Amino acid sequence: MELKEKLVSSFIAFENQISIENPFVHSMRTEALTHFETQGFPEKKEEAWKYTSLKKVLKEDFSVFAKIEHALESVSYTHLTLPRAI
């Protein structure tokens, strides 16, 4: 799966997981995703991106969601010694 498709599917999964309390933010996200779906990543043909290479960025395998082993809920903090309040 290409990075573009991965980001789009991750956005859809993210939107399905959260409660949409702010319709303005939700509509802004949806509008941005729709723009990204049609336009994709910028290319050097676009004047503003003419001297910017995205090759390194597009090669990376970014994960939008944290891996389970790095999630806060799965980390044990029992080995830490914290100062006691008196």
PDB file of N, CA and C in Angstrom:
ATOM      1  N   MET A   1       0.848  -1.171   0.000  1.00  0.00           N
ATOM      2  CA  MET A   1       0.000   0.000   0.000  1.00  0.00           C
ATOM      3  C   MET A   1       0.899   1.242   0.000  1.00  0.00           C
ATOM      4  N   GLU A   2       0.592   2.192  -0.857  1.00  0.00           N
ATOM      5  CA  GLU A   2       1.363   3.421  -0.931  1.00  0.00           C
ATOM      6  C   GLU A   2       1.036   4.309   0.263  1.00  0.00           C
ATOM      7  N   LEU A   3       1.941   5.248   0.537  1.00  0.00           N
ATOM      8  CA  LEU A   3       1.771   6.128   1.686  1.00  0.00           C
ATOM      9  C   LEU A   3       0.467   6.907   1.606  1.00  0.00           C
ATOM     10  N   LYS A   4       0.106   7.370   0.438  1.00  0.00           N
ATOM     11  CA  LYS A   4      -1.134   8.140   0.286  1.00  0.00           C
ATOM     12  C   LYS A   4      -2.336   7.306   0.719  1.00  0.00           C
ATOM     13  N   GLU A   5      -2.434   6.088   0.230  1.00  0.00           N
ATOM     14  CA  GLU A   5      -3.561   5.232   0.588  1.00  0.00           C
ATOM     15  C   GLU A   5      -3.540   4.876   2.075  1.00  0.00           C
ATOM     16  N   LYS A   6      -2.341   4.692   2.614  1.00  0.00           N
ATOM     17  CA  LYS A   6      -2.213   4.374   4.036  1.00  0.00           C
ATOM     18  C   LYS A   6      -2.709   5.539   4.888  1.00  0.00           C
ATOM     19  N   LEU A   7      -2.351   6.759   4.514  1.00  0.00           N
ATOM     20  CA  LEU A   7      -2.793   7.930   5.259  1.00  0.00           C
ATOM     21  C   LEU A   7      -4.302   8.124   5.161  1.00  0.00           C
ATOM     22  N   VAL A   8      -4.853   7.889   3.982  1.00  0.00           N
ATOM     23  CA  VAL A   8      -6.305   8.043   3.801  1.00  0.00           C
ATOM     24  C   VAL A   8      -7.051   7.010   4.640  1.00  0.00           C
ATOM     25  N   SER A   9      -6.628   5.761   4.590  1.00  0.00           N
ATOM     26  CA  SER A   9      -7.318   4.727   5.370  1.00  0.00           C
ATOM     27  C   SER A   9      -7.123   4.938   6.869  1.00  0.00           C
ATOM     28  N   SER A  10      -5.968   5.453   7.267  1.00  0.00           N
ATOM     29  CA  SER A  10      -5.733   5.745   8.682  1.00  0.00           C
ATOM     30  C   SER A  10      -6.623   6.883   9.147  1.00  0.00           C
ATOM     31  N   PHE A  11      -6.820   7.873   8.291  1.00  0.00           N
ATOM     32  CA  PHE A  11      -7.710   8.982   8.647  1.00  0.00           C
ATOM     33  C   PHE A  11      -9.132   8.481   8.847  1.00  0.00           C
ATOM     34  N   ILE A  12      -9.586   7.632   7.951  1.00  0.00           N
ATOM     35  CA  ILE A  12     -10.942   7.094   8.062  1.00  0.00           C
ATOM     36  C   ILE A  12     -11.084   6.288   9.357  1.00  0.00           C
ATOM     37  N   ALA A  13     -10.084   5.481   9.683  1.00  0.00           N
ATOM     38  CA  ALA A  13     -10.116   4.704  10.925  1.00  0.00           C
ATOM     39  C   ALA A  13     -10.095   5.632  12.137  1.00  0.00           C
ATOM     40  N   PHE A  14      -9.287   6.702  12.077  1.00  0.00           N
ATOM     41  CA  PHE A  14      -9.223   7.673  13.162  1.00  0.00           C
ATOM     42  C   PHE A  14     -10.573   8.350  13.370  1.00  0.00           C
ATOM     43  N   GLU A  15     -11.196   8.770  12.294  1.00  0.00           N
ATOM     44  CA  GLU A  15     -12.494   9.431  12.384  1.00  0.00           C
ATOM     45  C   GLU A  15     -13.557   8.483  12.961  1.00  0.00           C
ATOM     46  N   ASN A  16     -13.445   7.202  12.675  1.00  0.00           N
ATOM     47  CA  ASN A  16     -14.414   6.238  13.200  1.00  0.00           C
ATOM     48  C   ASN A  16     -14.204   5.950  14.678  1.00  0.00           C
ATOM     49  N   GLN A  17     -12.989   6.197  15.193  1.00  0.00           N
ATOM     50  CA  GLN A  17     -12.681   5.907  16.592  1.00  0.00           C
ATOM     51  C   GLN A  17     -13.045   7.041  17.537  1.00  0.00           C
ATOM     52  N   ILE A  18     -13.064   8.266  17.049  1.00  0.00           N
ATOM     53  CA  ILE A  18     -13.281   9.401  17.936  1.00  0.00           C
ATOM     54  C   ILE A  18     -14.738   9.838  17.903  1.00  0.00           C
ATOM     55  N   SER A  19     -15.131  10.521  18.957  1.00  0.00           N
ATOM     56  CA  SER A  19     -16.455  11.127  18.937  1.00  0.00           C
ATOM     57  C   SER A  19     -16.299  12.521  18.337  1.00  0.00           C
ATOM     58  N   ILE A  20     -17.164  12.847  17.440  1.00  0.00           N
ATOM     59  CA  ILE A  20     -17.060  14.115  16.728  1.00  0.00           C
ATOM     60  C   ILE A  20     -17.856  15.158  17.517  1.00  0.00           C
ATOM     61  N   GLU A  21     -17.141  15.810  18.447  1.00  0.00           N
ATOM     62  CA  GLU A  21     -17.782  16.806  19.293  1.00  0.00           C
ATOM     63  C   GLU A  21     -17.786  18.176  18.633  1.00  0.00           C
ATOM     64  N   ASN A  22     -16.836  18.418  17.762  1.00  0.00           N
ATOM     65  CA  ASN A  22     -16.734  19.718  17.110  1.00  0.00           C
ATOM     66  C   ASN A  22     -16.946  19.543  15.612  1.00  0.00           C
ATOM     67  N   PRO A  23     -18.126  19.847  15.122  1.00  0.00           N
ATOM     68  CA  PRO A  23     -18.409  19.645  13.697  1.00  0.00           C
ATOM     69  C   PRO A  23     -17.531  20.511  12.794  1.00  0.00           C
ATOM     70  N   PHE A  24     -17.087  21.673  13.272  1.00  0.00           N
ATOM     71  CA  PHE A  24     -16.223  22.535  12.474  1.00  0.00           C
ATOM     72  C   PHE A  24     -14.888  21.849  12.201  1.00  0.00           C
ATOM     73  N   VAL A  25     -14.289  21.286  13.243  1.00  0.00           N
ATOM     74  CA  VAL A  25     -13.004  20.590  13.087  1.00  0.00           C
ATOM     75  C   VAL A  25     -13.181  19.378  12.185  1.00  0.00           C
ATOM     76  N   HIS A  26     -14.266  18.645  12.377  1.00  0.00           N
ATOM     77  CA  HIS A  26     -14.531  17.467  11.551  1.00  0.00           C
ATOM     78  C   HIS A  26     -14.658  17.855  10.071  1.00  0.00           C
ATOM     79  N   SER A  27     -15.384  18.936   9.799  1.00  0.00           N
ATOM     80  CA  SER A  27     -15.546  19.349   8.398  1.00  0.00           C
ATOM     81  C   SER A  27     -14.226  19.827   7.805  1.00  0.00           C
ATOM     82  N   MET A  28     -13.390  20.487   8.615  1.00  0.00           N
ATOM     83  CA  MET A  28     -12.068  20.927   8.131  1.00  0.00           C
ATOM     84  C   MET A  28     -11.194  19.715   7.794  1.00  0.00           C
ATOM     85  N   ARG A  29     -11.209  18.707   8.669  1.00  0.00           N
ATOM     86  CA  ARG A  29     -10.424  17.487   8.417  1.00  0.00           C
ATOM     87  C   ARG A  29     -10.906  16.786   7.157  1.00  0.00           C
ATOM     88  N   THR A  30     -12.223  16.663   7.032  1.00  0.00           N
ATOM     89  CA  THR A  30     -12.798  15.982   5.875  1.00  0.00           C
ATOM     90  C   THR A  30     -12.470  16.725   4.589  1.00  0.00           C
ATOM     91  N   GLU A  31     -12.551  18.033   4.624  1.00  0.00           N
ATOM     92  CA  GLU A  31     -12.213  18.845   3.449  1.00  0.00           C
ATOM     93  C   GLU A  31     -10.735  18.688   3.078  1.00  0.00           C
ATOM     94  N   ALA A  32      -9.873  18.685   4.093  1.00  0.00           N
ATOM     95  CA  ALA A  32      -8.440  18.517   3.839  1.00  0.00           C
ATOM     96  C   ALA A  32      -8.152  17.136   3.256  1.00  0.00           C
ATOM     97  N   LEU A  33      -8.813  16.109   3.774  1.00  0.00           N
ATOM     98  CA  LEU A  33      -8.603  14.761   3.252  1.00  0.00           C
ATOM     99  C   LEU A  33      -9.095  14.647   1.818  1.00  0.00           C
ATOM    100  N   THR A  34     -10.231  15.236   1.524  1.00  0.00           N
ATOM    101  CA  THR A  34     -10.754  15.209   0.159  1.00  0.00           C
ATOM    102  C   THR A  34      -9.783  15.886  -0.797  1.00  0.00           C
ATOM    103  N   HIS A  35      -9.219  17.004  -0.362  1.00  0.00           N
ATOM    104  CA  HIS A  35      -8.222  17.706  -1.182  1.00  0.00           C
ATOM    105  C   HIS A  35      -6.989  16.817  -1.390  1.00  0.00           C
ATOM    106  N   PHE A  36      -6.536  16.182  -0.305  1.00  0.00           N
ATOM    107  CA  PHE A  36      -5.360  15.311  -0.397  1.00  0.00           C
ATOM    108  C   PHE A  36      -5.630  14.112  -1.305  1.00  0.00           C
ATOM    109  N   GLU A  37      -6.835  13.553  -1.232  1.00  0.00           N
ATOM    110  CA  GLU A  37      -7.181  12.416  -2.093  1.00  0.00           C
ATOM    111  C   GLU A  37      -7.121  12.787  -3.571  1.00  0.00           C
ATOM    112  N   THR A  38      -7.578  13.982  -3.901  1.00  0.00           N
ATOM    113  CA  THR A  38      -7.591  14.383  -5.312  1.00  0.00           C
ATOM    114  C   THR A  38      -6.240  14.899  -5.775  1.00  0.00           C
ATOM    115  N   GLN A  39      -5.554  15.637  -4.915  1.00  0.00           N
ATOM    116  CA  GLN A  39      -4.287  16.256  -5.310  1.00  0.00           C
ATOM    117  C   GLN A  39      -3.069  15.387  -5.021  1.00  0.00           C
ATOM    118  N   GLY A  40      -3.120  14.618  -3.946  1.00  0.00           N
ATOM    119  CA  GLY A  40      -1.972  13.815  -3.546  1.00  0.00           C
ATOM    120  C   GLY A  40      -0.859  14.690  -2.995  1.00  0.00           C
ATOM    121  N   PHE A  41       0.333  14.126  -2.971  1.00  0.00           N
ATOM    122  CA  PHE A  41       1.488  14.885  -2.507  1.00  0.00           C
ATOM    123  C   PHE A  41       1.904  15.880  -3.575  1.00  0.00           C
ATOM    124  N   PRO A  42       2.457  17.025  -3.171  1.00  0.00           N
ATOM    125  CA  PRO A  42       2.885  18.015  -4.166  1.00  0.00           C
ATOM    126  C   PRO A  42       4.044  17.488  -5.013  1.00  0.00           C
ATOM    127  N   GLU A  43       4.110  17.966  -6.226  1.00  0.00           N
ATOM    128  CA  GLU A  43       5.178  17.567  -7.150  1.00  0.00           C
ATOM    129  C   GLU A  43       6.018  18.780  -7.511  1.00  0.00           C
ATOM    130  N   LYS A  44       7.160  18.530  -8.097  1.00  0.00           N
ATOM    131  CA  LYS A  44       8.054  19.619  -8.478  1.00  0.00           C
ATOM    132  C   LYS A  44       7.475  20.494  -9.585  1.00  0.00           C
ATOM    133  N   LYS A  45       6.444  20.018 -10.255  1.00  0.00           N
ATOM    134  CA  LYS A  45       5.790  20.824 -11.299  1.00  0.00           C
ATOM    135  C   LYS A  45       5.089  22.038 -10.697  1.00  0.00           C
ATOM    136  N   GLU A  46       4.722  21.931  -9.414  1.00  0.00           N
ATOM    137  CA  GLU A  46       4.066  23.042  -8.738  1.00  0.00           C
ATOM    138  C   GLU A  46       5.128  24.049  -8.300  1.00  0.00           C
ATOM    139  N   GLU A  47       4.908  25.303  -8.626  1.00  0.00           N
ATOM    140  CA  GLU A  47       5.905  26.350  -8.390  1.00  0.00           C
ATOM    141  C   GLU A  47       6.383  26.404  -6.937  1.00  0.00           C
ATOM    142  N   ALA A  48       5.467  26.313  -5.985  1.00  0.00           N
ATOM    143  CA  ALA A  48       5.836  26.422  -4.570  1.00  0.00           C
ATOM    144  C   ALA A  48       6.697  25.243  -4.099  1.00  0.00           C
ATOM    145  N   TRP A  49       6.655  24.130  -4.810  1.00  0.00           N
ATOM    146  CA  TRP A  49       7.383  22.927  -4.412  1.00  0.00           C
ATOM    147  C   TRP A  49       8.519  22.614  -5.376  1.00  0.00           C
ATOM    148  N   LYS A  50       8.838  23.518  -6.258  1.00  0.00           N
ATOM    149  CA  LYS A  50       9.800  23.270  -7.333  1.00  0.00           C
ATOM    150  C   LYS A  50      11.162  22.784  -6.811  1.00  0.00           C
ATOM    151  N   TYR A  51      11.614  23.334  -5.706  1.00  0.00           N
ATOM    152  CA  TYR A  51      12.940  22.990  -5.190  1.00  0.00           C
ATOM    153  C   TYR A  51      12.882  22.064  -3.970  1.00  0.00           C
ATOM    154  N   THR A  52      11.746  21.453  -3.749  1.00  0.00           N
ATOM    155  CA  THR A  52      11.579  20.587  -2.586  1.00  0.00           C
ATOM    156  C   THR A  52      11.398  19.145  -3.039  1.00  0.00           C
ATOM    157  N   SER A  53      12.253  18.280  -2.518  1.00  0.00           N
ATOM    158  CA  SER A  53      12.142  16.860  -2.840  1.00  0.00           C
ATOM    159  C   SER A  53      11.436  16.137  -1.692  1.00  0.00           C
ATOM    160  N   LEU A  54      10.462  15.343  -2.034  1.00  0.00           N
ATOM    161  CA  LEU A  54       9.740  14.550  -1.037  1.00  0.00           C
ATOM    162  C   LEU A  54      10.135  13.076  -1.089  1.00  0.00           C
ATOM    163  N   LYS A  55      11.197  12.744  -1.813  1.00  0.00           N
ATOM    164  CA  LYS A  55      11.591  11.339  -1.974  1.00  0.00           C
ATOM    165  C   LYS A  55      11.822  10.650  -0.639  1.00  0.00           C
ATOM    166  N   LYS A  56      12.573  11.285   0.272  1.00  0.00           N
ATOM    167  CA  LYS A  56      12.857  10.658   1.568  1.00  0.00           C
ATOM    168  C   LYS A  56      11.590  10.487   2.392  1.00  0.00           C
ATOM    169  N   VAL A  57      10.711  11.458   2.342  1.00  0.00           N
ATOM    170  CA  VAL A  57       9.468  11.387   3.101  1.00  0.00           C
ATOM    171  C   VAL A  57       8.591  10.258   2.576  1.00  0.00           C
ATOM    172  N   LEU A  58       8.499  10.143   1.259  1.00  0.00           N
ATOM    173  CA  LEU A  58       7.625   9.131   0.665  1.00  0.00           C
ATOM    174  C   LEU A  58       8.170   7.718   0.821  1.00  0.00           C
ATOM    175  N   LYS A  59       9.474   7.584   1.067  1.00  0.00           N
ATOM    176  CA  LYS A  59      10.060   6.256   1.264  1.00  0.00           C
ATOM    177  C   LYS A  59       9.772   5.704   2.657  1.00  0.00           C
ATOM    178  N   GLU A  60       9.569   6.587   3.636  1.00  0.00           N
ATOM    179  CA  GLU A  60       9.336   6.167   5.014  1.00  0.00           C
ATOM    180  C   GLU A  60       7.993   5.466   5.142  1.00  0.00           C
ATOM    181  N   ASP A  61       7.929   4.554   6.080  1.00  0.00           N
ATOM    182  CA  ASP A  61       6.679   3.859   6.359  1.00  0.00           C
ATOM    183  C   ASP A  61       6.108   4.431   7.649  1.00  0.00           C
ATOM    184  N   PHE A  62       5.400   5.540   7.526  1.00  0.00           N
ATOM    185  CA  PHE A  62       4.855   6.209   8.691  1.00  0.00           C
ATOM    186  C   PHE A  62       3.647   5.458   9.224  1.00  0.00           C
ATOM    187  N   SER A  63       3.532   5.465  10.538  1.00  0.00           N
ATOM    188  CA  SER A  63       2.377   4.872  11.176  1.00  0.00           C
ATOM    189  C   SER A  63       1.604   5.996  11.860  1.00  0.00           C
ATOM    190  N   VAL A  64       0.350   6.133  11.510  1.00  0.00           N
ATOM    191  CA  VAL A  64      -0.462   7.193  12.074  1.00  0.00           C
ATOM    192  C   VAL A  64      -0.857   6.858  13.509  1.00  0.00           C
ATOM    193  N   PHE A  65      -1.097   5.587  13.793  1.00  0.00           N
ATOM    194  CA  PHE A  65      -1.464   5.166  15.129  1.00  0.00           C
ATOM    195  C   PHE A  65      -0.245   4.579  15.829  1.00  0.00           C
ATOM    196  N   ALA A  66      -0.166   4.793  17.131  1.00  0.00           N
ATOM    197  CA  ALA A  66       0.952   4.262  17.912  1.00  0.00           C
ATOM    198  C   ALA A  66       0.899   2.741  17.926  1.00  0.00           C
ATOM    199  N   LYS A  67       2.065   2.133  17.915  1.00  0.00           N
ATOM    200  CA  LYS A  67       2.137   0.684  18.028  1.00  0.00           C
ATOM    201  C   LYS A  67       1.697   0.284  19.438  1.00  0.00           C
ATOM    202  N   ILE A  68       1.133  -0.909  19.568  1.00  0.00           N
ATOM    203  CA  ILE A  68       0.588  -1.359  20.849  1.00  0.00           C
ATOM    204  C   ILE A  68       1.663  -1.355  21.937  1.00  0.00           C
ATOM    205  N   GLU A  69       2.871  -1.794  21.600  1.00  0.00           N
ATOM    206  CA  GLU A  69       3.902  -1.868  22.629  1.00  0.00           C
ATOM    207  C   GLU A  69       4.350  -0.496  23.105  1.00  0.00           C
ATOM    208  N   HIS A  70       4.014   0.547  22.347  1.00  0.00           N
ATOM    209  CA  HIS A  70       4.400   1.892  22.746  1.00  0.00           C
ATOM    210  C   HIS A  70       3.224   2.670  23.321  1.00  0.00           C
ATOM    211  N   ALA A  71       2.077   2.059  23.331  1.00  0.00           N
ATOM    212  CA  ALA A  71       0.894   2.738  23.838  1.00  0.00           C
ATOM    213  C   ALA A  71       1.006   2.923  25.346  1.00  0.00           C
ATOM    214  N   LEU A  72       0.500   4.016  25.840  1.00  0.00           N
ATOM    215  CA  LEU A  72       0.614   4.357  27.249  1.00  0.00           C
ATOM    216  C   LEU A  72      -0.020   3.298  28.141  1.00  0.00           C
ATOM    217  N   GLU A  73      -1.111   2.714  27.703  1.00  0.00           N
ATOM    218  CA  GLU A  73      -1.811   1.737  28.528  1.00  0.00           C
ATOM    219  C   GLU A  73      -0.985   0.473  28.760  1.00  0.00           C
ATOM    220  N   SER A  74      -0.100   0.134  27.824  1.00  0.00           N
ATOM    221  CA  SER A  74       0.622  -1.130  27.960  1.00  0.00           C
ATOM    222  C   SER A  74       1.976  -0.972  28.652  1.00  0.00           C
ATOM    223  N   VAL A  75       2.343   0.247  29.050  1.00  0.00           N
ATOM    224  CA  VAL A  75       3.624   0.466  29.701  1.00  0.00           C
ATOM    225  C   VAL A  75       3.434   0.324  31.204  1.00  0.00           C
ATOM    226  N   SER A  76       4.325  -0.434  31.824  1.00  0.00           N
ATOM    227  CA  SER A  76       4.254  -0.626  33.261  1.00  0.00           C
ATOM    228  C   SER A  76       5.168   0.378  33.953  1.00  0.00           C
ATOM    229  N   TYR A  77       4.639   1.093  34.925  1.00  0.00           N
ATOM    230  CA  TYR A  77       5.424   2.078  35.653  1.00  0.00           C
ATOM    231  C   TYR A  77       5.677   1.646  37.093  1.00  0.00           C
ATOM    232  N   THR A  78       5.476   0.375  37.404  1.00  0.00           N
ATOM    233  CA  THR A  78       5.621  -0.099  38.776  1.00  0.00           C
ATOM    234  C   THR A  78       7.066  -0.053  39.252  1.00  0.00           C
ATOM    235  N   HIS A  79       8.036  -0.029  38.329  1.00  0.00           N
ATOM    236  CA  HIS A  79       9.443  -0.011  38.720  1.00  0.00           C
ATOM    237  C   HIS A  79       9.944   1.379  39.088  1.00  0.00           C
ATOM    238  N   LEU A  80       9.125   2.411  38.864  1.00  0.00           N
ATOM    239  CA  LEU A  80       9.531   3.780  39.162  1.00  0.00           C
ATOM    240  C   LEU A  80       9.317   4.104  40.633  1.00  0.00           C
ATOM    241  N   THR A  81      10.258   4.836  41.206  1.00  0.00           N
ATOM    242  CA  THR A  81      10.111   5.306  42.562  1.00  0.00           C
ATOM    243  C   THR A  81       9.831   6.798  42.500  1.00  0.00           C
ATOM    244  N   LEU A  82       8.676   7.179  42.973  1.00  0.00           N
ATOM    245  CA  LEU A  82       8.267   8.573  42.913  1.00  0.00           C
ATOM    246  C   LEU A  82       8.345   9.183  44.305  1.00  0.00           C
ATOM    247  N   PRO A  83       8.652  10.480  44.386  1.00  0.00           N
ATOM    248  CA  PRO A  83       8.683  11.129  45.702  1.00  0.00           C
ATOM    249  C   PRO A  83       7.291  11.115  46.334  1.00  0.00           C
ATOM    250  N   ARG A  84       7.263  10.991  47.629  1.00  0.00           N
ATOM    251  CA  ARG A  84       5.986  10.933  48.332  1.00  0.00           C
ATOM    252  C   ARG A  84       5.614  12.316  48.829  1.00  0.00           C
ATOM    253  N   ALA A  85       4.377  12.682  48.644  1.00  0.00           N
ATOM    254  CA  ALA A  85       3.903  13.953  49.165  1.00  0.00           C
ATOM    255  C   ALA A  85       3.588  13.815  50.648  1.00  0.00           C
ATOM    256  N   ILE A  86       3.959  14.796  51.426  1.00  0.00           N
ATOM    257  CA  ILE A  86       3.745  14.744  52.888  1.00  0.00           C
ATOM    258  C   ILE A  86       2.688  15.755  53.250  1.00  0.00           C
TER     259      ILE A  86
END
